[in-house]
Amino acid sequence: MKAVMNGTIIAESNETIVIENNHYFPPASVRQDFLRKSEHTSTCPWKGEAHYYDVVVGDAESKNAAWTYPKPKDAAKEITDYVAFWKRVEVKE
């Protein structure tokens, strides 16, 4: 799977974990240089608190387009620090 924005690969892995139709990419497969920490958070009843990143590729920016669970609840431990994408980031094979 690949996470792509404006033709640039942000993440690529054959070992994503799919939860609720979102592909979570292993931390080592994500290009951190395209992520900028956001102050935005949200809470999932069973996964816990999500922390967000803006995805920035050149002059293009998509706010809060990536998220991760640094300290998920026990039910979601398998996705600790994995990163998922949405908005202007296309996830495809």
PDB file of N, CA and C in Angstrom:
ATOM      1  N   MET A   1       0.843  -1.179   0.000  1.00  0.00           N
ATOM      2  CA  MET A   1       0.000   0.000   0.000  1.00  0.00           C
ATOM      3  C   MET A   1       0.889   1.243   0.000  1.00  0.00           C
ATOM      4  N   LYS A   2       0.354   2.295  -0.601  1.00  0.00           N
ATOM      5  CA  LYS A   2       1.060   3.577  -0.655  1.00  0.00           C
ATOM      6  C   LYS A   2       0.115   4.689  -0.219  1.00  0.00           C
ATOM      7  N   ALA A   3       0.669   5.665   0.492  1.00  0.00           N
ATOM      8  CA  ALA A   3      -0.041   6.901   0.803  1.00  0.00           C
ATOM      9  C   ALA A   3       0.624   7.979  -0.046  1.00  0.00           C
ATOM     10  N   VAL A   4      -0.165   8.632  -0.926  1.00  0.00           N
ATOM     11  CA  VAL A   4       0.384   9.547  -1.916  1.00  0.00           C
ATOM     12  C   VAL A   4      -0.343  10.887  -1.870  1.00  0.00           C
ATOM     13  N   MET A   5       0.436  11.970  -1.912  1.00  0.00           N
ATOM     14  CA  MET A   5      -0.155  13.304  -2.038  1.00  0.00           C
ATOM     15  C   MET A   5       0.611  14.073  -3.100  1.00  0.00           C
ATOM     16  N   ASN A   6      -0.112  14.612  -4.065  1.00  0.00           N
ATOM     17  CA  ASN A   6       0.490  15.373  -5.174  1.00  0.00           C
ATOM     18  C   ASN A   6       1.596  14.590  -5.878  1.00  0.00           C
ATOM     19  N   GLY A   7       1.383  13.283  -6.047  1.00  0.00           N
ATOM     20  CA  GLY A   7       2.336  12.448  -6.754  1.00  0.00           C
ATOM     21  C   GLY A   7       3.540  12.028  -5.931  1.00  0.00           C
ATOM     22  N   THR A   8       3.593  12.425  -4.666  1.00  0.00           N
ATOM     23  CA  THR A   8       4.718  12.085  -3.796  1.00  0.00           C
ATOM     24  C   THR A   8       4.305  11.002  -2.813  1.00  0.00           C
ATOM     25  N   ILE A   9       5.120   9.951  -2.709  1.00  0.00           N
ATOM     26  CA  ILE A   9       4.827   8.865  -1.771  1.00  0.00           C
ATOM     27  C   ILE A   9       5.218   9.301  -0.365  1.00  0.00           C
ATOM     28  N   ILE A  10       4.225   9.319   0.523  1.00  0.00           N
ATOM     29  CA  ILE A  10       4.422   9.704   1.923  1.00  0.00           C
ATOM     30  C   ILE A  10       4.739   8.464   2.762  1.00  0.00           C
ATOM     31  N   ALA A  11       4.116   7.345   2.416  1.00  0.00           N
ATOM     32  CA  ALA A  11       4.334   6.087   3.134  1.00  0.00           C
ATOM     33  C   ALA A  11       4.127   4.932   2.161  1.00  0.00           C
ATOM     34  N   GLU A  12       4.856   3.838   2.421  1.00  0.00           N
ATOM     35  CA  GLU A  12       4.716   2.650   1.572  1.00  0.00           C
ATOM     36  C   GLU A  12       5.048   1.418   2.395  1.00  0.00           C
ATOM     37  N   SER A  13       4.131   0.436   2.376  1.00  0.00           N
ATOM     38  CA  SER A  13       4.352  -0.786   3.143  1.00  0.00           C
ATOM     39  C   SER A  13       3.447  -1.910   2.658  1.00  0.00           C
ATOM     40  N   ASN A  14       3.946  -3.134   2.772  1.00  0.00           N
ATOM     41  CA  ASN A  14       3.135  -4.324   2.530  1.00  0.00           C
ATOM     42  C   ASN A  14       2.558  -4.864   3.833  1.00  0.00           C
ATOM     43  N   GLU A  15       2.799  -4.147   4.926  1.00  0.00           N
ATOM     44  CA  GLU A  15       2.387  -4.629   6.244  1.00  0.00           C
ATOM     45  C   GLU A  15       1.491  -3.634   6.975  1.00  0.00           C
ATOM     46  N   THR A  16       0.556  -3.023   6.253  1.00  0.00           N
ATOM     47  CA  THR A  16      -0.386  -2.125   6.919  1.00  0.00           C
ATOM     48  C   THR A  16      -1.389  -2.954   7.719  1.00  0.00           C
ATOM     49  N   ILE A  17      -1.996  -2.320   8.685  1.00  0.00           N
ATOM     50  CA  ILE A  17      -3.065  -2.942   9.463  1.00  0.00           C
ATOM     51  C   ILE A  17      -4.346  -2.182   9.127  1.00  0.00           C
ATOM     52  N   VAL A  18      -5.371  -2.901   8.683  1.00  0.00           N
ATOM     53  CA  VAL A  18      -6.623  -2.256   8.291  1.00  0.00           C
ATOM     54  C   VAL A  18      -7.613  -2.311   9.450  1.00  0.00           C
ATOM     55  N   ILE A  19      -8.047  -1.126   9.871  1.00  0.00           N
ATOM     56  CA  ILE A  19      -9.055  -0.998  10.917  1.00  0.00           C
ATOM     57  C   ILE A  19     -10.053   0.049  10.456  1.00  0.00           C
ATOM     58  N   GLU A  20     -11.314  -0.318  10.470  1.00  0.00           N
ATOM     59  CA  GLU A  20     -12.401   0.586  10.064  1.00  0.00           C
ATOM     60  C   GLU A  20     -12.125   1.222   8.702  1.00  0.00           C
ATOM     61  N   ASN A  21     -11.684   0.401   7.753  1.00  0.00           N
ATOM     62  CA  ASN A  21     -11.403   0.813   6.373  1.00  0.00           C
ATOM     63  C   ASN A  21     -10.239   1.780   6.223  1.00  0.00           C
ATOM     64  N   ASN A  22      -9.416   1.940   7.254  1.00  0.00           N
ATOM     65  CA  ASN A  22      -8.215   2.774   7.172  1.00  0.00           C
ATOM     66  C   ASN A  22      -6.982   1.879   7.244  1.00  0.00           C
ATOM     67  N   HIS A  23      -6.020   2.156   6.370  1.00  0.00           N
ATOM     68  CA  HIS A  23      -4.744   1.443   6.402  1.00  0.00           C
ATOM     69  C   HIS A  23      -3.810   2.194   7.344  1.00  0.00           C
ATOM     70  N   TYR A  24      -3.342   1.508   8.373  1.00  0.00           N
ATOM     71  CA  TYR A  24      -2.370   2.073   9.310  1.00  0.00           C
ATOM     72  C   TYR A  24      -0.994   1.576   8.895  1.00  0.00           C
ATOM     73  N   PHE A  25      -0.105   2.524   8.622  1.00  0.00           N
ATOM     74  CA  PHE A  25       1.236   2.211   8.141  1.00  0.00           C
ATOM     75  C   PHE A  25       2.216   2.104   9.310  1.00  0.00           C
ATOM     76  N   PRO A  26       3.123   1.115   9.273  1.00  0.00           N
ATOM     77  CA  PRO A  26       4.142   1.004  10.315  1.00  0.00           C
ATOM     78  C   PRO A  26       4.967   2.297  10.372  1.00  0.00           C
ATOM     79  N   PRO A  27       5.372   2.723  11.557  1.00  0.00           N
ATOM     80  CA  PRO A  27       6.108   3.989  11.690  1.00  0.00           C
ATOM     81  C   PRO A  27       7.338   4.089  10.775  1.00  0.00           C
ATOM     82  N   ALA A  28       8.087   3.020  10.628  1.00  0.00           N
ATOM     83  CA  ALA A  28       9.306   3.063   9.805  1.00  0.00           C
ATOM     84  C   ALA A  28       9.020   3.242   8.318  1.00  0.00           C
ATOM     85  N   SER A  29       7.781   3.020   7.893  1.00  0.00           N
ATOM     86  CA  SER A  29       7.440   3.137   6.470  1.00  0.00           C
ATOM     87  C   SER A  29       6.949   4.539   6.090  1.00  0.00           C
ATOM     88  N   VAL A  30       6.862   5.425   7.078  1.00  0.00           N
ATOM     89  CA  VAL A  30       6.309   6.766   6.862  1.00  0.00           C
ATOM     90  C   VAL A  30       7.438   7.784   6.751  1.00  0.00           C
ATOM     91  N   ARG A  31       7.382   8.616   5.720  1.00  0.00           N
ATOM     92  CA  ARG A  31       8.370   9.687   5.529  1.00  0.00           C
ATOM     93  C   ARG A  31       8.019  10.844   6.466  1.00  0.00           C
ATOM     94  N   GLN A  32       8.687  10.890   7.596  1.00  0.00           N
ATOM     95  CA  GLN A  32       8.400  11.898   8.622  1.00  0.00           C
ATOM     96  C   GLN A  32       8.673  13.318   8.134  1.00  0.00           C
ATOM     97  N   ASP A  33       9.525  13.481   7.132  1.00  0.00           N
ATOM     98  CA  ASP A  33       9.837  14.817   6.629  1.00  0.00           C
ATOM     99  C   ASP A  33       8.647  15.488   5.947  1.00  0.00           C
ATOM    100  N   PHE A  34       7.588  14.725   5.660  1.00  0.00           N
ATOM    101  CA  PHE A  34       6.382  15.304   5.071  1.00  0.00           C
ATOM    102  C   PHE A  34       5.290  15.555   6.116  1.00  0.00           C
ATOM    103  N   LEU A  35       5.573  15.225   7.367  1.00  0.00           N
ATOM    104  CA  LEU A  35       4.584  15.399   8.438  1.00  0.00           C
ATOM    105  C   LEU A  35       4.988  16.536   9.358  1.00  0.00           C
ATOM    106  N   ARG A  36       4.001  17.353   9.728  1.00  0.00           N
ATOM    107  CA  ARG A  36       4.210  18.429  10.699  1.00  0.00           C
ATOM    108  C   ARG A  36       3.190  18.251  11.809  1.00  0.00           C
ATOM    109  N   LYS A  37       3.675  18.122  13.021  1.00  0.00           N
ATOM    110  CA  LYS A  37       2.804  17.872  14.168  1.00  0.00           C
ATOM    111  C   LYS A  37       1.731  18.941  14.271  1.00  0.00           C
ATOM    112  N   SER A  38       0.499  18.486  14.499  1.00  0.00           N
ATOM    113  CA  SER A  38      -0.653  19.364  14.674  1.00  0.00           C
ATOM    114  C   SER A  38      -1.049  19.332  16.152  1.00  0.00           C
ATOM    115  N   GLU A  39      -1.744  20.356  16.587  1.00  0.00           N
ATOM    116  CA  GLU A  39      -2.250  20.382  17.965  1.00  0.00           C
ATOM    117  C   GLU A  39      -3.575  19.622  18.084  1.00  0.00           C
ATOM    118  N   HIS A  40      -4.139  19.231  16.949  1.00  0.00           N
ATOM    119  CA  HIS A  40      -5.453  18.581  16.927  1.00  0.00           C
ATOM    120  C   HIS A  40      -5.387  17.160  17.506  1.00  0.00           C
ATOM    121  N   THR A  41      -6.387  16.808  18.287  1.00  0.00           N
ATOM    122  CA  THR A  41      -6.545  15.443  18.787  1.00  0.00           C
ATOM    123  C   THR A  41      -8.019  15.065  18.663  1.00  0.00           C
ATOM    124  N   SER A  42      -8.293  13.778  18.722  1.00  0.00           N
ATOM    125  CA  SER A  42      -9.669  13.287  18.780  1.00  0.00           C
ATOM    126  C   SER A  42      -9.652  12.021  19.627  1.00  0.00           C
ATOM    127  N   THR A  43     -10.827  11.601  20.053  1.00  0.00           N
ATOM    128  CA  THR A  43     -10.904  10.417  20.903  1.00  0.00           C
ATOM    129  C   THR A  43     -11.839   9.389  20.300  1.00  0.00           C
ATOM    130  N   CYS A  44     -11.345   8.170  20.204  1.00  0.00           N
ATOM    131  CA  CYS A  44     -12.141   7.032  19.761  1.00  0.00           C
ATOM    132  C   CYS A  44     -12.485   6.222  21.008  1.00  0.00           C
ATOM    133  N   PRO A  45     -13.749   5.795  21.158  1.00  0.00           N
ATOM    134  CA  PRO A  45     -14.138   5.063  22.358  1.00  0.00           C
ATOM    135  C   PRO A  45     -13.322   3.799  22.618  1.00  0.00           C
ATOM    136  N   TRP A  46     -12.871   3.122  21.560  1.00  0.00           N
ATOM    137  CA  TRP A  46     -12.137   1.873  21.796  1.00  0.00           C
ATOM    138  C   TRP A  46     -10.649   1.942  21.465  1.00  0.00           C
ATOM    139  N   LYS A  47     -10.215   2.955  20.681  1.00  0.00           N
ATOM    140  CA  LYS A  47      -8.785   3.076  20.350  1.00  0.00           C
ATOM    141  C   LYS A  47      -8.063   4.069  21.267  1.00  0.00           C
ATOM    142  N   GLY A  48      -8.779   5.076  21.743  1.00  0.00           N
ATOM    143  CA  GLY A  48      -8.154   6.072  22.610  1.00  0.00           C
ATOM    144  C   GLY A  48      -7.959   7.398  21.910  1.00  0.00           C
ATOM    145  N   GLU A  49      -6.939   8.159  22.344  1.00  0.00           N
ATOM    146  CA  GLU A  49      -6.706   9.497  21.817  1.00  0.00           C
ATOM    147  C   GLU A  49      -5.783   9.463  20.601  1.00  0.00           C
ATOM    148  N   ALA A  50      -6.267  10.053  19.505  1.00  0.00           N
ATOM    149  CA  ALA A  50      -5.485  10.158  18.276  1.00  0.00           C
ATOM    150  C   ALA A  50      -4.787  11.507  18.235  1.00  0.00           C
ATOM    151  N   HIS A  51      -3.552  11.502  17.763  1.00  0.00           N
ATOM    152  CA  HIS A  51      -2.775  12.726  17.556  1.00  0.00           C
ATOM    153  C   HIS A  51      -2.592  12.895  16.052  1.00  0.00           C
ATOM    154  N   TYR A  52      -2.676  14.140  15.589  1.00  0.00           N
ATOM    155  CA  TYR A  52      -2.694  14.415  14.151  1.00  0.00           C
ATOM    156  C   TYR A  52      -1.441  15.112  13.649  1.00  0.00           C
ATOM    157  N   TYR A  53      -1.245  14.987  12.337  1.00  0.00           N
ATOM    158  CA  TYR A  53      -0.177  15.680  11.627  1.00  0.00           C
ATOM    159  C   TYR A  53      -0.769  16.355  10.396  1.00  0.00           C
ATOM    160  N   ASP A  54      -0.219  17.515  10.051  1.00  0.00           N
ATOM    161  CA  ASP A  54      -0.486  18.105   8.753  1.00  0.00           C
ATOM    162  C   ASP A  54       0.478  17.422   7.785  1.00  0.00           C
ATOM    163  N   VAL A  55       0.011  17.156   6.572  1.00  0.00           N
ATOM    164  CA  VAL A  55       0.884  16.580   5.550  1.00  0.00           C
ATOM    165  C   VAL A  55       1.269  17.717   4.609  1.00  0.00           C
ATOM    166  N   VAL A  56       2.577  17.912   4.430  1.00  0.00           N
ATOM    167  CA  VAL A  56       3.092  19.020   3.632  1.00  0.00           C
ATOM    168  C   VAL A  56       4.027  18.469   2.554  1.00  0.00           C
ATOM    169  N   VAL A  57       3.660  18.729   1.296  1.00  0.00           N
ATOM    170  CA  VAL A  57       4.472  18.320   0.147  1.00  0.00           C
ATOM    171  C   VAL A  57       4.705  19.568  -0.693  1.00  0.00           C
ATOM    172  N   GLY A  58       5.905  20.104  -0.643  1.00  0.00           N
ATOM    173  CA  GLY A  58       6.196  21.342  -1.357  1.00  0.00           C
ATOM    174  C   GLY A  58       5.301  22.454  -0.837  1.00  0.00           C
ATOM    175  N   ASP A  59       4.565  23.102  -1.730  1.00  0.00           N
ATOM    176  CA  ASP A  59       3.653  24.180  -1.346  1.00  0.00           C
ATOM    177  C   ASP A  59       2.269  23.662  -0.966  1.00  0.00           C
ATOM    178  N   ALA A  60       2.021  22.374  -1.166  1.00  0.00           N
ATOM    179  CA  ALA A  60       0.713  21.785  -0.861  1.00  0.00           C
ATOM    180  C   ALA A  60       0.668  21.326   0.595  1.00  0.00           C
ATOM    181  N   GLU A  61      -0.438  21.648   1.249  1.00  0.00           N
ATOM    182  CA  GLU A  61      -0.610  21.273   2.652  1.00  0.00           C
ATOM    183  C   GLU A  61      -2.017  20.741   2.872  1.00  0.00           C
ATOM    184  N   SER A  62      -2.116  19.668   3.635  1.00  0.00           N
ATOM    185  CA  SER A  62      -3.414  19.125   4.016  1.00  0.00           C
ATOM    186  C   SER A  62      -3.418  18.993   5.542  1.00  0.00           C
ATOM    187  N   LYS A  63      -4.183  19.868   6.178  1.00  0.00           N
ATOM    188  CA  LYS A  63      -4.204  19.914   7.640  1.00  0.00           C
ATOM    189  C   LYS A  63      -4.854  18.668   8.233  1.00  0.00           C
ATOM    190  N   ASN A  64      -4.234  18.173   9.292  1.00  0.00           N
ATOM    191  CA  ASN A  64      -4.756  17.023  10.038  1.00  0.00           C
ATOM    192  C   ASN A  64      -5.063  15.822   9.147  1.00  0.00           C
ATOM    193  N   ALA A  65      -4.237  15.605   8.131  1.00  0.00           N
ATOM    194  CA  ALA A  65      -4.486  14.539   7.161  1.00  0.00           C
ATOM    195  C   ALA A  65      -3.854  13.205   7.545  1.00  0.00           C
ATOM    196  N   ALA A  66      -3.109  13.187   8.648  1.00  0.00           N
ATOM    197  CA  ALA A  66      -2.517  11.939   9.138  1.00  0.00           C
ATOM    198  C   ALA A  66      -2.751  11.865  10.636  1.00  0.00           C
ATOM    199  N   TRP A  67      -2.943  10.643  11.135  1.00  0.00           N
ATOM    200  CA  TRP A  67      -3.121  10.503  12.578  1.00  0.00           C
ATOM    201  C   TRP A  67      -2.494   9.219  13.085  1.00  0.00           C
ATOM    202  N   THR A  68      -2.236   9.219  14.379  1.00  0.00           N
ATOM    203  CA  THR A  68      -1.597   8.082  15.035  1.00  0.00           C
ATOM    204  C   THR A  68      -2.116   7.962  16.465  1.00  0.00           C
ATOM    205  N   TYR A  69      -1.928   6.791  17.027  1.00  0.00           N
ATOM    206  CA  TYR A  69      -2.295   6.544  18.424  1.00  0.00           C
ATOM    207  C   TYR A  69      -1.020   6.192  19.191  1.00  0.00           C
ATOM    208  N   PRO A  70      -0.363   7.185  19.816  1.00  0.00           N
ATOM    209  CA  PRO A  70       0.874   6.891  20.530  1.00  0.00           C
ATOM    210  C   PRO A  70       0.665   6.038  21.783  1.00  0.00           C
ATOM    211  N   LYS A  71      -0.494   6.162  22.407  1.00  0.00           N
ATOM    212  CA  LYS A  71      -0.802   5.378  23.612  1.00  0.00           C
ATOM    213  C   LYS A  71      -2.238   4.865  23.524  1.00  0.00           C
ATOM    214  N   PRO A  72      -2.492   3.929  22.611  1.00  0.00           N
ATOM    215  CA  PRO A  72      -3.861   3.443  22.422  1.00  0.00           C
ATOM    216  C   PRO A  72      -4.332   2.602  23.609  1.00  0.00           C
ATOM    217  N   LYS A  73      -5.642   2.437  23.662  1.00  0.00           N
ATOM    218  CA  LYS A  73      -6.216   1.519  24.647  1.00  0.00           C
ATOM    219  C   LYS A  73      -5.786   0.097  24.292  1.00  0.00           C
ATOM    220  N   ASP A  74      -5.933  -0.818  25.242  1.00  0.00           N
ATOM    221  CA  ASP A  74      -5.491  -2.201  25.037  1.00  0.00           C
ATOM    222  C   ASP A  74      -6.066  -2.839  23.775  1.00  0.00           C
ATOM    223  N   ALA A  75      -7.301  -2.524  23.429  1.00  0.00           N
ATOM    224  CA  ALA A  75      -7.952  -3.126  22.261  1.00  0.00           C
ATOM    225  C   ALA A  75      -7.261  -2.757  20.949  1.00  0.00           C
ATOM    226  N   ALA A  76      -6.482  -1.673  20.960  1.00  0.00           N
ATOM    227  CA  ALA A  76      -5.822  -1.206  19.730  1.00  0.00           C
ATOM    228  C   ALA A  76      -4.303  -1.184  19.846  1.00  0.00           C
ATOM    229  N   LYS A  77      -3.748  -1.918  20.769  1.00  0.00           N
ATOM    230  CA  LYS A  77      -2.289  -1.916  20.991  1.00  0.00           C
ATOM    231  C   LYS A  77      -1.496  -2.199  19.716  1.00  0.00           C
ATOM    232  N   GLU A  78      -2.066  -3.010  18.806  1.00  0.00           N
ATOM    233  CA  GLU A  78      -1.333  -3.387  17.594  1.00  0.00           C
ATOM    234  C   GLU A  78      -1.027  -2.206  16.678  1.00  0.00           C
ATOM    235  N   ILE A  79      -1.733  -1.078  16.832  1.00  0.00           N
ATOM    236  CA  ILE A  79      -1.471   0.073  15.965  1.00  0.00           C
ATOM    237  C   ILE A  79      -0.718   1.195  16.694  1.00  0.00           C
ATOM    238  N   THR A  80      -0.089   0.888  17.807  1.00  0.00           N
ATOM    239  CA  THR A  80       0.705   1.902  18.514  1.00  0.00           C
ATOM    240  C   THR A  80       1.706   2.536  17.553  1.00  0.00           C
ATOM    241  N   ASP A  81       1.635   3.857  17.417  1.00  0.00           N
ATOM    242  CA  ASP A  81       2.528   4.660  16.568  1.00  0.00           C
ATOM    243  C   ASP A  81       2.364   4.428  15.066  1.00  0.00           C
ATOM    244  N   TYR A  82       1.466   3.554  14.651  1.00  0.00           N
ATOM    245  CA  TYR A  82       1.182   3.410  13.217  1.00  0.00           C
ATOM    246  C   TYR A  82       0.464   4.672  12.744  1.00  0.00           C
ATOM    247  N   VAL A  83       0.556   4.976  11.451  1.00  0.00           N
ATOM    248  CA  VAL A  83       0.010   6.224  10.918  1.00  0.00           C
ATOM    249  C   VAL A  83      -1.019   5.924   9.827  1.00  0.00           C
ATOM    250  N   ALA A  84      -2.168   6.590   9.916  1.00  0.00           N
ATOM    251  CA  ALA A  84      -3.215   6.477   8.891  1.00  0.00           C
ATOM    252  C   ALA A  84      -3.395   7.848   8.231  1.00  0.00           C
ATOM    253  N   PHE A  85      -4.005   7.843   7.051  1.00  0.00           N
ATOM    254  CA  PHE A  85      -4.140   9.071   6.254  1.00  0.00           C
ATOM    255  C   PHE A  85      -5.558   9.231   5.726  1.00  0.00           C
ATOM    256  N   TRP A  86      -5.911  10.473   5.416  1.00  0.00           N
ATOM    257  CA  TRP A  86      -7.177  10.786   4.758  1.00  0.00           C
ATOM    258  C   TRP A  86      -7.066  12.155   4.113  1.00  0.00           C
ATOM    259  N   LYS A  87      -8.189  12.763   3.801  1.00  0.00           N
ATOM    260  CA  LYS A  87      -8.272  14.065   3.133  1.00  0.00           C
ATOM    261  C   LYS A  87      -7.563  14.012   1.779  1.00  0.00           C
ATOM    262  N   ARG A  88      -6.562  14.841   1.552  1.00  0.00           N
ATOM    263  CA  ARG A  88      -5.901  14.929   0.236  1.00  0.00           C
ATOM    264  C   ARG A  88      -4.844  13.840   0.009  1.00  0.00           C
ATOM    265  N   VAL A  89      -4.664  12.965   0.991  1.00  0.00           N
ATOM    266  CA  VAL A  89      -3.687  11.878   0.832  1.00  0.00           C
ATOM    267  C   VAL A  89      -4.442  10.639   0.348  1.00  0.00           C
ATOM    268  N   GLU A  90      -4.057  10.139  -0.797  1.00  0.00           N
ATOM    269  CA  GLU A  90      -4.702   8.963  -1.387  1.00  0.00           C
ATOM    270  C   GLU A  90      -3.962   7.704  -0.960  1.00  0.00           C
ATOM    271  N   VAL A  91      -4.707   6.755  -0.434  1.00  0.00           N
ATOM    272  CA  VAL A  91      -4.117   5.460  -0.061  1.00  0.00           C
ATOM    273  C   VAL A  91      -4.538   4.444  -1.114  1.00  0.00           C
ATOM    274  N   LYS A  92      -3.525   3.815  -1.749  1.00  0.00           N
ATOM    275  CA  LYS A  92      -3.809   2.895  -2.850  1.00  0.00           C
ATOM    276  C   LYS A  92      -2.759   1.799  -2.917  1.00  0.00           C
ATOM    277  N   GLU A  93      -3.076   0.769  -3.709  1.00  0.00           N
ATOM    278  CA  GLU A  93      -2.112  -0.329  -3.900  1.00  0.00           C
ATOM    279  C   GLU A  93      -1.068   0.071  -4.905  1.00  0.00           C
TER     280      GLU A  93
END
